[in-house]
Every structure is written in structure tokens, then in C-alpha cells.
Amino acid sequence: MKTKAILSVLGEDRVGIVAAISNALAEAGANIEDIRQTILSGVFSMTMLVTIDEDAESFEAVQARLATVAEEIGLQITLQREDVFRFMHRV
């Protein structure tokens, strides 16, 4: 089963953020569909649209994997199912 999700990252800019998150997603069998990032006064912000192959790794397992990355590099990382994200942010 394929699940689309929105991944949000926020924290102090440093070398290796994109690599750490990309590697974690690759290890989980997830695909990055789209990515946007910016740095404002040293604050790193990134949003990704990813597809998670839940036959390879469950959504919850990917969340746990990313939580480990967040703790290791001191970032806030949030992963939400796309349908939940869109429902919460509809106007």
C-alpha cells in the first residue's frame, strides 16, 4: 500500500540535514515526490511530499525513524498523512 505524506522540518541550519532525512527515507523505502526548503536568518525550513511504501515499512515505523533523526540532529520533524494534513488545513 502506498501512502502520501507531508514531511515538515524546522530547526537551526547545519550541514547534513537534507542528507540525514533523505537517507532515513531511502532506508524506509519511501520516495521524495517534491521538496521545498529555505533558510531564514539561520533557521532551516523544509517541506516534502513523500510516498511511503507501507509494504516495505509502516507509516508509524517511518515516523519513529524520523523521530530518531530529529533527536540526533536537533530538529523538529513532523510526518502527517497527506489526507489528514489537507483536512486540517482546509479553508
PDB file of N, CA and C in Angstrom:
ATOM      1  N   MET A   1       0.841  -1.174   0.000  1.00  0.00           N
ATOM      2  CA  MET A   1       0.000   0.000   0.000  1.00  0.00           C
ATOM      3  C   MET A   1       0.893   1.247   0.000  1.00  0.00           C
ATOM      4  N   LYS A   2       0.569   2.195  -0.844  1.00  0.00           N
ATOM      5  CA  LYS A   2       1.314   3.453  -0.935  1.00  0.00           C
ATOM      6  C   LYS A   2       0.542   4.537  -0.181  1.00  0.00           C
ATOM      7  N   THR A   3       1.254   5.291   0.650  1.00  0.00           N
ATOM      8  CA  THR A   3       0.660   6.367   1.423  1.00  0.00           C
ATOM      9  C   THR A   3       1.408   7.657   1.146  1.00  0.00           C
ATOM     10  N   LYS A   4       0.683   8.685   0.715  1.00  0.00           N
ATOM     11  CA  LYS A   4       1.293  10.008   0.525  1.00  0.00           C
ATOM     12  C   LYS A   4       1.308  10.712   1.871  1.00  0.00           C
ATOM     13  N   ALA A   5       2.404  11.441   2.122  1.00  0.00           N
ATOM     14  CA  ALA A   5       2.551  12.126   3.400  1.00  0.00           C
ATOM     15  C   ALA A   5       3.285  13.447   3.213  1.00  0.00           C
ATOM     16  N   ILE A   6       3.048  14.361   4.150  1.00  0.00           N
ATOM     17  CA  ILE A   6       3.726  15.653   4.186  1.00  0.00           C
ATOM     18  C   ILE A   6       4.729  15.605   5.329  1.00  0.00           C
ATOM     19  N   LEU A   7       5.987  15.903   5.005  1.00  0.00           N
ATOM     20  CA  LEU A   7       7.052  15.928   5.989  1.00  0.00           C
ATOM     21  C   LEU A   7       7.500  17.370   6.169  1.00  0.00           C
ATOM     22  N   SER A   8       7.493  17.860   7.405  1.00  0.00           N
ATOM     23  CA  SER A   8       7.903  19.233   7.712  1.00  0.00           C
ATOM     24  C   SER A   8       9.109  19.185   8.639  1.00  0.00           C
ATOM     25  N   VAL A   9      10.084  20.042   8.350  1.00  0.00           N
ATOM     26  CA  VAL A   9      11.317  20.095   9.138  1.00  0.00           C
ATOM     27  C   VAL A   9      11.596  21.546   9.507  1.00  0.00           C
ATOM     28  N   LEU A  10      11.978  21.774  10.747  1.00  0.00           N
ATOM     29  CA  LEU A  10      12.288  23.121  11.205  1.00  0.00           C
ATOM     30  C   LEU A  10      13.396  23.041  12.252  1.00  0.00           C
ATOM     31  N   GLY A  11      14.379  23.918  12.121  1.00  0.00           N
ATOM     32  CA  GLY A  11      15.444  23.951  13.118  1.00  0.00           C
ATOM     33  C   GLY A  11      16.607  24.811  12.682  1.00  0.00           C
ATOM     34  N   GLU A  12      17.621  24.853  13.520  1.00  0.00           N
ATOM     35  CA  GLU A  12      18.822  25.625  13.231  1.00  0.00           C
ATOM     36  C   GLU A  12      19.545  24.996  12.042  1.00  0.00           C
ATOM     37  N   ASP A  13      19.951  25.823  11.086  1.00  0.00           N
ATOM     38  CA  ASP A  13      20.632  25.318   9.902  1.00  0.00           C
ATOM     39  C   ASP A  13      21.984  24.723  10.271  1.00  0.00           C
ATOM     40  N   ARG A  14      22.300  23.609   9.631  1.00  0.00           N
ATOM     41  CA  ARG A  14      23.608  22.961   9.798  1.00  0.00           C
ATOM     42  C   ARG A  14      23.840  22.034   8.610  1.00  0.00           C
ATOM     43  N   VAL A  15      25.057  21.639   8.425  1.00  0.00           N
ATOM     44  CA  VAL A  15      25.427  20.726   7.345  1.00  0.00           C
ATOM     45  C   VAL A  15      24.814  19.356   7.604  1.00  0.00           C
ATOM     46  N   GLY A  16      24.262  18.747   6.555  1.00  0.00           N
ATOM     47  CA  GLY A  16      23.827  17.360   6.626  1.00  0.00           C
ATOM     48  C   GLY A  16      22.362  17.117   6.909  1.00  0.00           C
ATOM     49  N   ILE A  17      21.565  18.161   7.029  1.00  0.00           N
ATOM     50  CA  ILE A  17      20.139  17.965   7.348  1.00  0.00           C
ATOM     51  C   ILE A  17      19.440  17.187   6.237  1.00  0.00           C
ATOM     52  N   VAL A  18      19.554  17.672   5.010  1.00  0.00           N
ATOM     53  CA  VAL A  18      18.866  17.021   3.890  1.00  0.00           C
ATOM     54  C   VAL A  18      19.375  15.591   3.713  1.00  0.00           C
ATOM     55  N   ALA A  19      20.680  15.398   3.863  1.00  0.00           N
ATOM     56  CA  ALA A  19      21.255  14.060   3.721  1.00  0.00           C
ATOM     57  C   ALA A  19      20.699  13.099   4.769  1.00  0.00           C
ATOM     58  N   ALA A  20      20.634  13.539   6.018  1.00  0.00           N
ATOM     59  CA  ALA A  20      20.148  12.673   7.097  1.00  0.00           C
ATOM     60  C   ALA A  20      18.699  12.260   6.864  1.00  0.00           C
ATOM     61  N   ILE A  21      17.876  13.212   6.467  1.00  0.00           N
ATOM     62  CA  ILE A  21      16.459  12.914   6.251  1.00  0.00           C
ATOM     63  C   ILE A  21      16.274  12.067   5.000  1.00  0.00           C
ATOM     64  N   SER A  22      16.973  12.401   3.935  1.00  0.00           N
ATOM     65  CA  SER A  22      16.888  11.625   2.690  1.00  0.00           C
ATOM     66  C   SER A  22      17.326  10.180   2.905  1.00  0.00           C
ATOM     67  N   ASN A  23      18.414  10.002   3.654  1.00  0.00           N
ATOM     68  CA  ASN A  23      18.892   8.643   3.935  1.00  0.00           C
ATOM     69  C   ASN A  23      17.875   7.850   4.739  1.00  0.00           C
ATOM     70  N   ALA A  24      17.276   8.479   5.744  1.00  0.00           N
ATOM     71  CA  ALA A  24      16.263   7.794   6.556  1.00  0.00           C
ATOM     72  C   ALA A  24      15.073   7.374   5.696  1.00  0.00           C
ATOM     73  N   LEU A  25      14.646   8.266   4.810  1.00  0.00           N
ATOM     74  CA  LEU A  25      13.523   7.939   3.924  1.00  0.00           C
ATOM     75  C   LEU A  25      13.895   6.818   2.959  1.00  0.00           C
ATOM     76  N   ALA A  26      15.096   6.874   2.397  1.00  0.00           N
ATOM     77  CA  ALA A  26      15.547   5.830   1.467  1.00  0.00           C
ATOM     78  C   ALA A  26      15.616   4.474   2.158  1.00  0.00           C
ATOM     79  N   GLU A  27      16.145   4.448   3.378  1.00  0.00           N
ATOM     80  CA  GLU A  27      16.228   3.198   4.135  1.00  0.00           C
ATOM     81  C   GLU A  27      14.851   2.615   4.414  1.00  0.00           C
ATOM     82  N   ALA A  28      13.843   3.486   4.510  1.00  0.00           N
ATOM     83  CA  ALA A  28      12.467   3.042   4.766  1.00  0.00           C
ATOM     84  C   ALA A  28      11.736   2.674   3.482  1.00  0.00           C
ATOM     85  N   GLY A  29      12.367   2.892   2.329  1.00  0.00           N
ATOM     86  CA  GLY A  29      11.719   2.593   1.056  1.00  0.00           C
ATOM     87  C   GLY A  29      10.748   3.672   0.612  1.00  0.00           C
ATOM     88  N   ALA A  30      10.871   4.878   1.186  1.00  0.00           N
ATOM     89  CA  ALA A  30       9.985   5.996   0.829  1.00  0.00           C
ATOM     90  C   ALA A  30      10.587   6.772  -0.338  1.00  0.00           C
ATOM     91  N   ASN A  31       9.725   7.421  -1.109  1.00  0.00           N
ATOM     92  CA  ASN A  31      10.157   8.208  -2.260  1.00  0.00           C
ATOM     93  C   ASN A  31       9.808   9.678  -2.039  1.00  0.00           C
ATOM     94  N   ILE A  32      10.764  10.561  -2.318  1.00  0.00           N
ATOM     95  CA  ILE A  32      10.525  12.001  -2.226  1.00  0.00           C
ATOM     96  C   ILE A  32       9.920  12.451  -3.545  1.00  0.00           C
ATOM     97  N   GLU A  33       8.679  12.929  -3.501  1.00  0.00           N
ATOM     98  CA  GLU A  33       7.972  13.372  -4.702  1.00  0.00           C
ATOM     99  C   GLU A  33       8.246  14.842  -5.023  1.00  0.00           C
ATOM    100  N   ASP A  34       8.332  15.665  -3.977  1.00  0.00           N
ATOM    101  CA  ASP A  34       8.572  17.099  -4.147  1.00  0.00           C
ATOM    102  C   ASP A  34       9.229  17.609  -2.875  1.00  0.00           C
ATOM    103  N   ILE A  35      10.010  18.673  -3.014  1.00  0.00           N
ATOM    104  CA  ILE A  35      10.728  19.217  -1.871  1.00  0.00           C
ATOM    105  C   ILE A  35      10.883  20.723  -2.037  1.00  0.00           C
ATOM    106  N   ARG A  36      10.694  21.444  -0.938  1.00  0.00           N
ATOM    107  CA  ARG A  36      10.920  22.884  -0.884  1.00  0.00           C
ATOM    108  C   ARG A  36      11.683  23.159   0.400  1.00  0.00           C
ATOM    109  N   GLN A  37      12.687  24.011   0.307  1.00  0.00           N
ATOM    110  CA  GLN A  37      13.431  24.363   1.512  1.00  0.00           C
ATOM    111  C   GLN A  37      13.892  25.805   1.435  1.00  0.00           C
ATOM    112  N   THR A  38      14.118  26.369   2.610  1.00  0.00           N
ATOM    113  CA  THR A  38      14.611  27.739   2.696  1.00  0.00           C
ATOM    114  C   THR A  38      15.360  27.903   4.009  1.00  0.00           C
ATOM    115  N   ILE A  39      16.176  28.927   4.048  1.00  0.00           N
ATOM    116  CA  ILE A  39      16.894  29.285   5.265  1.00  0.00           C
ATOM    117  C   ILE A  39      16.629  30.763   5.517  1.00  0.00           C
ATOM    118  N   LEU A  40      16.058  31.074   6.671  1.00  0.00           N
ATOM    119  CA  LEU A  40      15.755  32.451   7.059  1.00  0.00           C
ATOM    120  C   LEU A  40      16.520  32.780   8.326  1.00  0.00           C
ATOM    121  N   SER A  41      17.500  33.664   8.225  1.00  0.00           N
ATOM    122  CA  SER A  41      18.305  34.073   9.388  1.00  0.00           C
ATOM    123  C   SER A  41      18.827  32.879  10.181  1.00  0.00           C
ATOM    124  N   GLY A  42      19.326  31.882   9.465  1.00  0.00           N
ATOM    125  CA  GLY A  42      19.902  30.713  10.122  1.00  0.00           C
ATOM    126  C   GLY A  42      18.907  29.646  10.527  1.00  0.00           C
ATOM    127  N   VAL A  43      17.623  29.849  10.242  1.00  0.00           N
ATOM    128  CA  VAL A  43      16.596  28.851  10.561  1.00  0.00           C
ATOM    129  C   VAL A  43      16.261  28.080   9.288  1.00  0.00           C
ATOM    130  N   PHE A  44      16.452  26.774   9.347  1.00  0.00           N
ATOM    131  CA  PHE A  44      16.202  25.886   8.215  1.00  0.00           C
ATOM    132  C   PHE A  44      14.748  25.433   8.244  1.00  0.00           C
ATOM    133  N   SER A  45      14.094  25.514   7.088  1.00  0.00           N
ATOM    134  CA  SER A  45      12.715  25.060   6.960  1.00  0.00           C
ATOM    135  C   SER A  45      12.598  24.232   5.686  1.00  0.00           C
ATOM    136  N   MET A  46      11.977  23.075   5.775  1.00  0.00           N
ATOM    137  CA  MET A  46      11.822  22.216   4.602  1.00  0.00           C
ATOM    138  C   MET A  46      10.469  21.506   4.667  1.00  0.00           C
ATOM    139  N   THR A  47       9.842  21.397   3.516  1.00  0.00           N
ATOM    140  CA  THR A  47       8.603  20.637   3.385  1.00  0.00           C
ATOM    141  C   THR A  47       8.787  19.659   2.232  1.00  0.00           C
ATOM    142  N   MET A  48       8.395  18.429   2.456  1.00  0.00           N
ATOM    143  CA  MET A  48       8.486  17.392   1.428  1.00  0.00           C
ATOM    144  C   MET A  48       7.132  16.714   1.249  1.00  0.00           C
ATOM    145  N   LEU A  49       6.858  16.322   0.031  1.00  0.00           N
ATOM    146  CA  LEU A  49       5.762  15.403  -0.250  1.00  0.00           C
ATOM    147  C   LEU A  49       6.432  14.067  -0.519  1.00  0.00           C
ATOM    148  N   VAL A  50       6.102  13.067   0.273  1.00  0.00           N
ATOM    149  CA  VAL A  50       6.730  11.753   0.130  1.00  0.00           C
ATOM    150  C   VAL A  50       5.670  10.675  -0.057  1.00  0.00           C
ATOM    151  N   THR A  51       6.084   9.586  -0.690  1.00  0.00           N
ATOM    152  CA  THR A  51       5.235   8.410  -0.807  1.00  0.00           C
ATOM    153  C   THR A  51       5.893   7.295  -0.013  1.00  0.00           C
ATOM    154  N   ILE A  52       5.148   6.758   0.932  1.00  0.00           N
ATOM    155  CA  ILE A  52       5.647   5.684   1.788  1.00  0.00           C
ATOM    156  C   ILE A  52       5.070   4.365   1.290  1.00  0.00           C
ATOM    157  N   ASP A  53       5.954   3.410   1.030  1.00  0.00           N
ATOM    158  CA  ASP A  53       5.535   2.072   0.632  1.00  0.00           C
ATOM    159  C   ASP A  53       5.342   1.269   1.915  1.00  0.00           C
ATOM    160  N   GLU A  54       4.099   1.186   2.369  1.00  0.00           N
ATOM    161  CA  GLU A  54       3.832   0.532   3.654  1.00  0.00           C
ATOM    162  C   GLU A  54       4.023  -0.979   3.591  1.00  0.00           C
ATOM    163  N   ASP A  55       4.227  -1.536   2.399  1.00  0.00           N
ATOM    164  CA  ASP A  55       4.609  -2.944   2.306  1.00  0.00           C
ATOM    165  C   ASP A  55       6.069  -3.118   2.721  1.00  0.00           C
ATOM    166  N   ALA A  56       6.870  -2.055   2.560  1.00  0.00           N
ATOM    167  CA  ALA A  56       8.277  -2.084   2.963  1.00  0.00           C
ATOM    168  C   ALA A  56       8.435  -1.679   4.426  1.00  0.00           C
ATOM    169  N   GLU A  57       7.759  -0.601   4.835  1.00  0.00           N
ATOM    170  CA  GLU A  57       7.835  -0.118   6.215  1.00  0.00           C
ATOM    171  C   GLU A  57       6.572   0.681   6.515  1.00  0.00           C
ATOM    172  N   SER A  58       5.979   0.443   7.669  1.00  0.00           N
ATOM    173  CA  SER A  58       4.716   1.106   8.021  1.00  0.00           C
ATOM    174  C   SER A  58       4.919   2.609   8.226  1.00  0.00           C
ATOM    175  N   PHE A  59       3.823   3.344   8.093  1.00  0.00           N
ATOM    176  CA  PHE A  59       3.840   4.787   8.321  1.00  0.00           C
ATOM    177  C   PHE A  59       4.391   5.091   9.714  1.00  0.00           C
ATOM    178  N   GLU A  60       3.931   4.353  10.714  1.00  0.00           N
ATOM    179  CA  GLU A  60       4.360   4.570  12.094  1.00  0.00           C
ATOM    180  C   GLU A  60       5.844   4.287  12.265  1.00  0.00           C
ATOM    181  N   ALA A  61       6.357   3.285  11.566  1.00  0.00           N
ATOM    182  CA  ALA A  61       7.790   2.965  11.643  1.00  0.00           C
ATOM    183  C   ALA A  61       8.618   4.081  11.002  1.00  0.00           C
ATOM    184  N   VAL A  62       8.124   4.658   9.910  1.00  0.00           N
ATOM    185  CA  VAL A  62       8.822   5.785   9.275  1.00  0.00           C
ATOM    186  C   VAL A  62       8.811   6.983  10.221  1.00  0.00           C
ATOM    187  N   GLN A  63       7.679   7.236  10.876  1.00  0.00           N
ATOM    188  CA  GLN A  63       7.616   8.316  11.868  1.00  0.00           C
ATOM    189  C   GLN A  63       8.657   8.100  12.970  1.00  0.00           C
ATOM    190  N   ALA A  64       8.765   6.889  13.467  1.00  0.00           N
ATOM    191  CA  ALA A  64       9.728   6.577  14.527  1.00  0.00           C
ATOM    192  C   ALA A  64      11.162   6.766  14.034  1.00  0.00           C
ATOM    193  N   ARG A  65      11.432   6.337  12.815  1.00  0.00           N
ATOM    194  CA  ARG A  65      12.759   6.503  12.219  1.00  0.00           C
ATOM    195  C   ARG A  65      13.117   7.987  12.137  1.00  0.00           C
ATOM    196  N   LEU A  66      12.163   8.807  11.689  1.00  0.00           N
ATOM    197  CA  LEU A  66      12.395  10.246  11.568  1.00  0.00           C
ATOM    198  C   LEU A  66      12.511  10.915  12.934  1.00  0.00           C
ATOM    199  N   ALA A  67      11.814  10.412  13.923  1.00  0.00           N
ATOM    200  CA  ALA A  67      11.935  10.949  15.285  1.00  0.00           C
ATOM    201  C   ALA A  67      13.351  10.733  15.817  1.00  0.00           C
ATOM    202  N   THR A  68      13.946   9.609  15.473  1.00  0.00           N
ATOM    203  CA  THR A  68      15.328   9.331  15.864  1.00  0.00           C
ATOM    204  C   THR A  68      16.275  10.326  15.204  1.00  0.00           C
ATOM    205  N   VAL A  69      16.059  10.573  13.909  1.00  0.00           N
ATOM    206  CA  VAL A  69      16.879  11.554  13.184  1.00  0.00           C
ATOM    207  C   VAL A  69      16.717  12.933  13.817  1.00  0.00           C
ATOM    208  N   ALA A  70      15.479  13.304  14.125  1.00  0.00           N
ATOM    209  CA  ALA A  70      15.203  14.611  14.732  1.00  0.00           C
ATOM    210  C   ALA A  70      15.971  14.779  16.036  1.00  0.00           C
ATOM    211  N   GLU A  71      15.979  13.748  16.844  1.00  0.00           N
ATOM    212  CA  GLU A  71      16.681  13.803  18.125  1.00  0.00           C
ATOM    213  C   GLU A  71      18.197  13.883  17.914  1.00  0.00           C
ATOM    214  N   GLU A  72      18.701  13.113  16.966  1.00  0.00           N
ATOM    215  CA  GLU A  72      20.143  13.083  16.705  1.00  0.00           C
ATOM    216  C   GLU A  72      20.680  14.428  16.227  1.00  0.00           C
ATOM    217  N   ILE A  73      19.906  15.132  15.383  1.00  0.00           N
ATOM    218  CA  ILE A  73      20.438  16.378  14.812  1.00  0.00           C
ATOM    219  C   ILE A  73      19.718  17.623  15.328  1.00  0.00           C
ATOM    220  N   GLY A  74      18.838  17.455  16.304  1.00  0.00           N
ATOM    221  CA  GLY A  74      18.230  18.605  16.978  1.00  0.00           C
ATOM    222  C   GLY A  74      17.267  19.407  16.126  1.00  0.00           C
ATOM    223  N   LEU A  75      16.355  18.703  15.461  1.00  0.00           N
ATOM    224  CA  LEU A  75      15.354  19.360  14.619  1.00  0.00           C
ATOM    225  C   LEU A  75      13.954  18.966  15.042  1.00  0.00           C
ATOM    226  N   GLN A  76      12.996  19.732  14.569  1.00  0.00           N
ATOM    227  CA  GLN A  76      11.585  19.362  14.714  1.00  0.00           C
ATOM    228  C   GLN A  76      11.175  18.750  13.381  1.00  0.00           C
ATOM    229  N   ILE A  77      10.765  17.493  13.393  1.00  0.00           N
ATOM    230  CA  ILE A  77      10.324  16.810  12.176  1.00  0.00           C
ATOM    231  C   ILE A  77       8.926  16.275  12.418  1.00  0.00           C
ATOM    232  N   THR A  78       8.012  16.603  11.509  1.00  0.00           N
ATOM    233  CA  THR A  78       6.630  16.145  11.596  1.00  0.00           C
ATOM    234  C   THR A  78       6.271  15.421  10.307  1.00  0.00           C
ATOM    235  N   LEU A  79       5.688  14.232  10.428  1.00  0.00           N
ATOM    236  CA  LEU A  79       5.214  13.471   9.275  1.00  0.00           C
ATOM    237  C   LEU A  79       3.721  13.245   9.449  1.00  0.00           C
ATOM    238  N   GLN A  80       2.934  13.730   8.470  1.00  0.00           N
ATOM    239  CA  GLN A  80       1.477  13.559   8.524  1.00  0.00           C
ATOM    240  C   GLN A  80       0.995  12.941   7.221  1.00  0.00           C
ATOM    241  N   ARG A  81       0.011  12.083   7.332  1.00  0.00           N
ATOM    242  CA  ARG A  81      -0.618  11.558   6.116  1.00  0.00           C
ATOM    243  C   ARG A  81      -1.188  12.743   5.340  1.00  0.00           C
ATOM    244  N   GLU A  82      -1.058  12.712   4.019  1.00  0.00           N
ATOM    245  CA  GLU A  82      -1.491  13.844   3.195  1.00  0.00           C
ATOM    246  C   GLU A  82      -2.970  14.157   3.392  1.00  0.00           C
ATOM    247  N   ASP A  83      -3.814  13.150   3.454  1.00  0.00           N
ATOM    248  CA  ASP A  83      -5.248  13.415   3.595  1.00  0.00           C
ATOM    249  C   ASP A  83      -5.563  14.090   4.927  1.00  0.00           C
ATOM    250  N   VAL A  84      -4.876  13.704   5.995  1.00  0.00           N
ATOM    251  CA  VAL A  84      -5.070  14.338   7.302  1.00  0.00           C
ATOM    252  C   VAL A  84      -4.578  15.778   7.252  1.00  0.00           C
ATOM    253  N   PHE A  85      -3.397  15.990   6.656  1.00  0.00           N
ATOM    254  CA  PHE A  85      -2.839  17.331   6.531  1.00  0.00           C
ATOM    255  C   PHE A  85      -3.802  18.249   5.786  1.00  0.00           C
ATOM    256  N   ARG A  86      -4.309  17.784   4.651  1.00  0.00           N
ATOM    257  CA  ARG A  86      -5.212  18.611   3.843  1.00  0.00           C
ATOM    258  C   ARG A  86      -6.518  18.899   4.588  1.00  0.00           C
ATOM    259  N   PHE A  87      -7.037  17.928   5.323  1.00  0.00           N
ATOM    260  CA  PHE A  87      -8.255  18.133   6.087  1.00  0.00           C
ATOM    261  C   PHE A  87      -8.037  19.182   7.177  1.00  0.00           C
ATOM    262  N   MET A  88      -6.885  19.114   7.855  1.00  0.00           N
ATOM    263  CA  MET A  88      -6.604  20.046   8.948  1.00  0.00           C
ATOM    264  C   MET A  88      -6.368  21.476   8.442  1.00  0.00           C
ATOM    265  N   HIS A  89      -5.936  21.625   7.194  1.00  0.00           N
ATOM    266  CA  HIS A  89      -5.563  22.936   6.679  1.00  0.00           C
ATOM    267  C   HIS A  89      -6.511  23.451   5.591  1.00  0.00           C
ATOM    268  N   ARG A  90      -7.692  22.886   5.513  1.00  0.00           N
ATOM    269  CA  ARG A  90      -8.636  23.377   4.506  1.00  0.00           C
ATOM    270  C   ARG A  90      -9.271  24.684   4.979  1.00  0.00           C
ATOM    271  N   VAL A  91      -9.667  25.484   4.011  1.00  0.00           N
ATOM    272  CA  VAL A  91     -10.245  26.794   4.316  1.00  0.00           C
ATOM    273  C   VAL A  91     -11.741  26.727   4.167  1.00  0.00           C
TER     274      VAL A  91
END
